[in-house]
Each structure stands twice: as structure tokens, then as C-alpha cells.
Amino acid sequence: MARNTLSRSLHDVGLAAWFGGTLANAVALNPAAGEAGGRDTGRVANAGWDRWTPVNAAAIGAHVVGSVGQLLGNRGRVARQQGVAGMSVLKTALTVAALGVTAYSRSLGIVVSGAGAVPARSGTKPAKRTKAEVAAAQEQLDRLQWVIPALTGALVAVSSYAGEQQRPGEVARGIAQH
């Protein structure tokens, strides 16, 4: 029981930080960096994202460890309760997609951060004077900054549904229908 509680906590706290942090950075940090103006925009955005990266990595790690722990702890339900296997496949697919987009976004962020204090209109919008490679990375980041919160938000919703599947009445009904 304690292992399941720890797994659930790691899963939930990691997912909450991953979702909330990327959403906050898209809503607040990237646009606010534009208020710094000129080369300071790139410097401010890079500083914020570079500070967020280790926290995000820890959150993602906690979520993945917790997810694996939950899957191991619930393997009997996955095999026997109707609907749980499908929900588990959906959660896994969303997690893999979110991990892929996060990794790709980080690789783009390394390009932007590595360029130092570049001119930009915001954290994800290049200025006319921004180098082409950096501008291309920023333009991709501008689109992707919303994909990660969308995918992790979908994970929050599916995880909520998964929690409902664990209610004793749902377990009994799901096993009887299987």
C-alpha cells in the first residue's frame, strides 16, 4: 500500500510541475521577457528557461518513476478490469508524446540559449536582427510551447479518469464485465 501511495504521489507531483511549469513559462515568462527589450529579451528568457530545466527534469523523472510504479502496482487490474488496459495505453502514448516534444523543445532551447543575448521580441519570437538559426529555433519553440501543456494537461485528465477506475465499485464492475 505504501509503495502505491508513493508511486501515486511521485506521478501526480511530477505531472503537476511538468504541466504547470511549462504552462506558466508559455503564458508568463516568454511574453514578459519581451518587456526587457533588445538583447536583454533573449538573455532574460534564456535565464528563466535554463533555471527551469533542472526542475522540469526532476519533475519528469518523478512522474515517470511514479507511473512505472503505478503500472507495476496495478498490473492485476490492468489485466483483469475492463477499460484499464486501454486507459494505460493512452496514458503511455500521451507520456511518450510529451517526453518527445519536451526533449525536442529542449534541443531547440539549447540552440537559443547557446547563442547568448540575442535580439528577440519575446522568449519565442525572434527580432528582425536575430540570426537565422536562432530565429528558426525560436519560431519552432513558439508553436511547441503550447503542445507540452496540452499533452500534459491531457495526461492530468486521463489520470483523473484512471483514479475513478480505482473506486471499489468500478473495479468490481470492470472485472465482472471483463
Protein backbone atom coordinates (compact mmCIF):
# COMPACT_ATOMS: atom_id res chain seq x y z
CA MET A 1 0.00 0.00 0.00
CA ALA A 2 2.79 2.44 0.91
CA ARG A 3 4.51 1.74 -2.42
CA ASN A 4 1.31 2.56 -4.32
CA THR A 5 0.90 5.80 -2.34
CA LEU A 6 4.50 6.80 -3.05
CA SER A 7 4.11 5.96 -6.74
CA ARG A 8 0.87 7.95 -6.96
CA SER A 9 2.49 10.92 -5.21
CA LEU A 10 5.54 10.90 -7.50
CA HIS A 11 3.27 10.54 -10.54
CA ASP A 12 0.97 13.38 -9.50
CA VAL A 13 3.53 15.88 -8.18
CA GLY A 14 5.83 15.31 -11.16
CA LEU A 15 2.99 15.71 -13.64
CA ALA A 16 1.67 18.81 -11.87
CA ALA A 17 5.08 20.50 -12.02
CA TRP A 18 5.67 19.47 -15.64
CA PHE A 19 2.26 20.79 -16.71
CA GLY A 20 2.21 23.89 -14.55
CA GLY A 21 5.76 24.96 -15.18
CA THR A 22 5.59 24.73 -18.94
CA LEU A 23 2.21 26.47 -18.98
CA ALA A 24 3.48 29.28 -16.72
CA ASN A 25 6.56 29.76 -18.86
CA ALA A 26 4.47 29.93 -22.04
CA VAL A 27 1.91 32.30 -20.51
CA ALA A 28 4.23 34.47 -18.43
CA LEU A 29 7.99 34.09 -18.91
CA ASN A 30 8.17 34.16 -22.71
CA PRO A 31 5.96 37.25 -23.14
CA ALA A 32 7.42 39.02 -20.08
CA ALA A 33 10.96 38.59 -21.41
CA GLY A 34 9.90 40.76 -24.35
CA GLU A 35 9.41 43.66 -21.96
CA ALA A 36 13.15 43.67 -21.27
CA GLY A 37 13.75 44.88 -24.82
CA GLY A 38 16.56 44.32 -27.33
CA ARG A 39 19.28 41.81 -26.50
CA ASP A 40 18.04 41.63 -22.89
CA THR A 41 14.92 39.81 -24.10
CA GLY A 42 16.94 36.78 -25.16
CA ARG A 43 19.11 36.93 -22.06
CA VAL A 44 16.10 37.07 -19.72
CA ALA A 45 14.20 34.29 -21.50
CA ASN A 46 17.30 32.07 -21.60
CA ALA A 47 17.98 32.65 -17.89
CA GLY A 48 14.41 31.69 -16.98
CA TRP A 49 14.30 28.56 -19.13
CA ASP A 50 17.80 27.50 -18.05
CA ARG A 51 16.69 27.76 -14.40
CA TRP A 52 13.53 25.78 -15.13
CA THR A 53 15.29 22.94 -16.96
CA PRO A 54 16.67 21.02 -13.92
CA VAL A 55 13.39 21.40 -12.05
CA ASN A 56 11.48 20.19 -15.10
CA ALA A 57 13.87 17.23 -15.49
CA ALA A 58 13.29 16.26 -11.85
CA ALA A 59 9.51 16.63 -12.28
CA ILE A 60 9.53 14.47 -15.40
CA GLY A 61 11.71 11.88 -13.67
CA ALA A 62 9.36 11.77 -10.68
CA HIS A 63 6.37 11.41 -12.99
CA VAL A 64 7.96 8.57 -14.97
CA VAL A 65 9.12 6.70 -11.84
CA GLY A 66 5.68 7.13 -10.30
CA SER A 67 3.97 6.00 -13.50
CA VAL A 68 6.06 2.83 -13.68
CA GLY A 69 5.37 2.16 -10.01
CA GLN A 70 1.64 2.61 -10.54
CA LEU A 71 1.65 0.32 -13.54
CA LEU A 72 3.52 -2.38 -11.61
CA GLY A 73 1.24 -1.96 -8.59
CA ASN A 74 -1.90 -2.16 -10.73
CA ARG A 75 -0.81 -4.85 -13.21
CA GLY A 76 -3.54 -7.17 -11.95
CA ARG A 77 -6.22 -4.55 -12.59
CA VAL A 78 -4.69 -3.76 -15.98
CA ALA A 79 -5.07 -7.40 -16.97
CA ARG A 80 -8.49 -8.06 -15.43
CA GLN A 81 -10.53 -4.85 -15.24
CA GLN A 82 -12.31 -3.75 -18.39
CA GLY A 83 -11.07 -0.42 -19.71
CA VAL A 84 -7.91 -0.21 -17.60
CA ALA A 85 -5.56 -1.61 -20.26
CA GLY A 86 -6.89 0.86 -22.85
CA MET A 87 -6.54 3.75 -20.43
CA SER A 88 -2.97 2.61 -19.63
CA VAL A 89 -2.07 2.51 -23.32
CA LEU A 90 -3.50 6.03 -23.78
CA LYS A 91 -1.55 7.36 -20.77
CA THR A 92 1.63 5.74 -22.07
CA ALA A 93 1.14 7.21 -25.56
CA LEU A 94 0.50 10.69 -24.15
CA THR A 95 3.54 10.39 -21.88
CA VAL A 96 5.79 9.30 -24.75
CA ALA A 97 4.49 12.15 -26.93
CA ALA A 98 5.02 14.70 -24.14
CA LEU A 99 8.52 13.35 -23.49
CA GLY A 100 9.37 13.57 -27.19
CA VAL A 101 8.10 17.13 -27.56
CA THR A 102 9.83 18.15 -24.33
CA ALA A 103 13.15 16.67 -25.48
CA TYR A 104 12.88 18.31 -28.90
CA SER A 105 11.94 21.64 -27.31
CA ARG A 106 14.95 21.38 -25.02
CA SER A 107 17.23 20.77 -28.01
CA LEU A 108 15.81 23.93 -29.62
CA GLY A 109 16.25 25.77 -26.33
CA ILE A 110 19.91 24.79 -26.27
CA VAL A 111 20.32 26.42 -29.70
CA VAL A 112 18.67 29.62 -28.46
CA SER A 113 20.45 29.67 -25.10
CA GLY A 114 23.80 28.86 -26.69
CA ALA A 115 23.52 31.99 -28.82
CA GLY A 116 23.59 34.13 -25.69
CA ALA A 117 21.95 37.53 -25.54
CA VAL A 118 20.24 37.62 -28.92
CA PRO A 119 17.76 40.24 -30.04
CA ALA A 120 14.18 38.98 -29.72
CA ARG A 121 10.63 40.28 -29.40
CA SER A 122 9.81 37.70 -26.70
CA GLY A 123 11.17 34.42 -25.41
CA THR A 124 9.91 32.66 -28.53
CA LYS A 125 9.61 35.42 -31.12
CA PRO A 126 12.75 36.49 -32.96
CA ALA A 127 13.56 40.06 -33.90
CA LYS A 128 14.49 41.02 -37.44
CA ARG A 129 18.18 41.04 -36.40
CA THR A 130 18.12 37.55 -34.83
CA LYS A 131 20.48 35.07 -36.50
CA ALA A 132 18.64 32.71 -38.87
CA GLU A 133 19.40 29.50 -36.93
CA VAL A 134 18.28 31.03 -33.64
CA ALA A 135 15.20 32.61 -35.26
CA ALA A 136 14.18 29.23 -36.71
CA ALA A 137 14.54 27.58 -33.29
CA GLN A 138 12.51 30.36 -31.63
CA GLU A 139 9.75 30.04 -34.22
CA GLN A 140 9.51 26.29 -33.58
CA LEU A 141 9.53 26.91 -29.83
CA ASP A 142 6.73 29.45 -30.27
CA ARG A 143 4.48 26.68 -31.60
CA LEU A 144 5.72 23.92 -29.30
CA GLN A 145 5.38 25.92 -26.07
CA TRP A 146 1.63 25.14 -26.16
CA VAL A 147 1.96 21.48 -27.18
CA ILE A 148 3.62 20.35 -23.95
CA PRO A 149 0.94 21.83 -21.65
CA ALA A 150 -1.73 20.39 -23.96
CA LEU A 151 -0.25 16.90 -23.78
CA THR A 152 0.46 17.03 -20.04
CA GLY A 153 -2.99 18.56 -19.45
CA ALA A 154 -4.49 15.60 -21.31
CA LEU A 155 -2.43 13.35 -19.01
CA VAL A 156 -3.95 15.10 -16.00
CA ALA A 157 -7.45 14.39 -17.37
CA VAL A 158 -6.70 10.74 -18.17
CA SER A 159 -5.09 10.30 -14.75
CA SER A 160 -8.24 11.65 -13.13
CA TYR A 161 -10.26 9.10 -15.09
CA ALA A 162 -7.81 6.39 -14.03
CA GLY A 163 -8.39 7.36 -10.41
CA GLU A 164 -12.13 6.91 -10.90
CA GLN A 165 -11.47 3.43 -12.29
CA GLN A 166 -9.90 2.51 -8.96
CA ARG A 167 -13.07 3.05 -6.94
CA PRO A 168 -14.12 -0.30 -5.44
CA GLY A 169 -17.46 -0.32 -7.29
CA GLU A 170 -15.74 0.40 -10.62
CA VAL A 171 -13.15 -2.32 -10.01
CA ALA A 172 -15.86 -4.88 -9.24
CA ARG A 173 -17.96 -3.82 -12.25
CA GLY A 174 -14.93 -3.76 -14.57
CA ILE A 175 -13.74 -7.20 -13.52
CA ALA A 176 -17.25 -8.65 -13.86
CA GLN A 177 -17.55 -7.24 -17.40
CA HIS A 178 -14.12 -8.44 -18.49
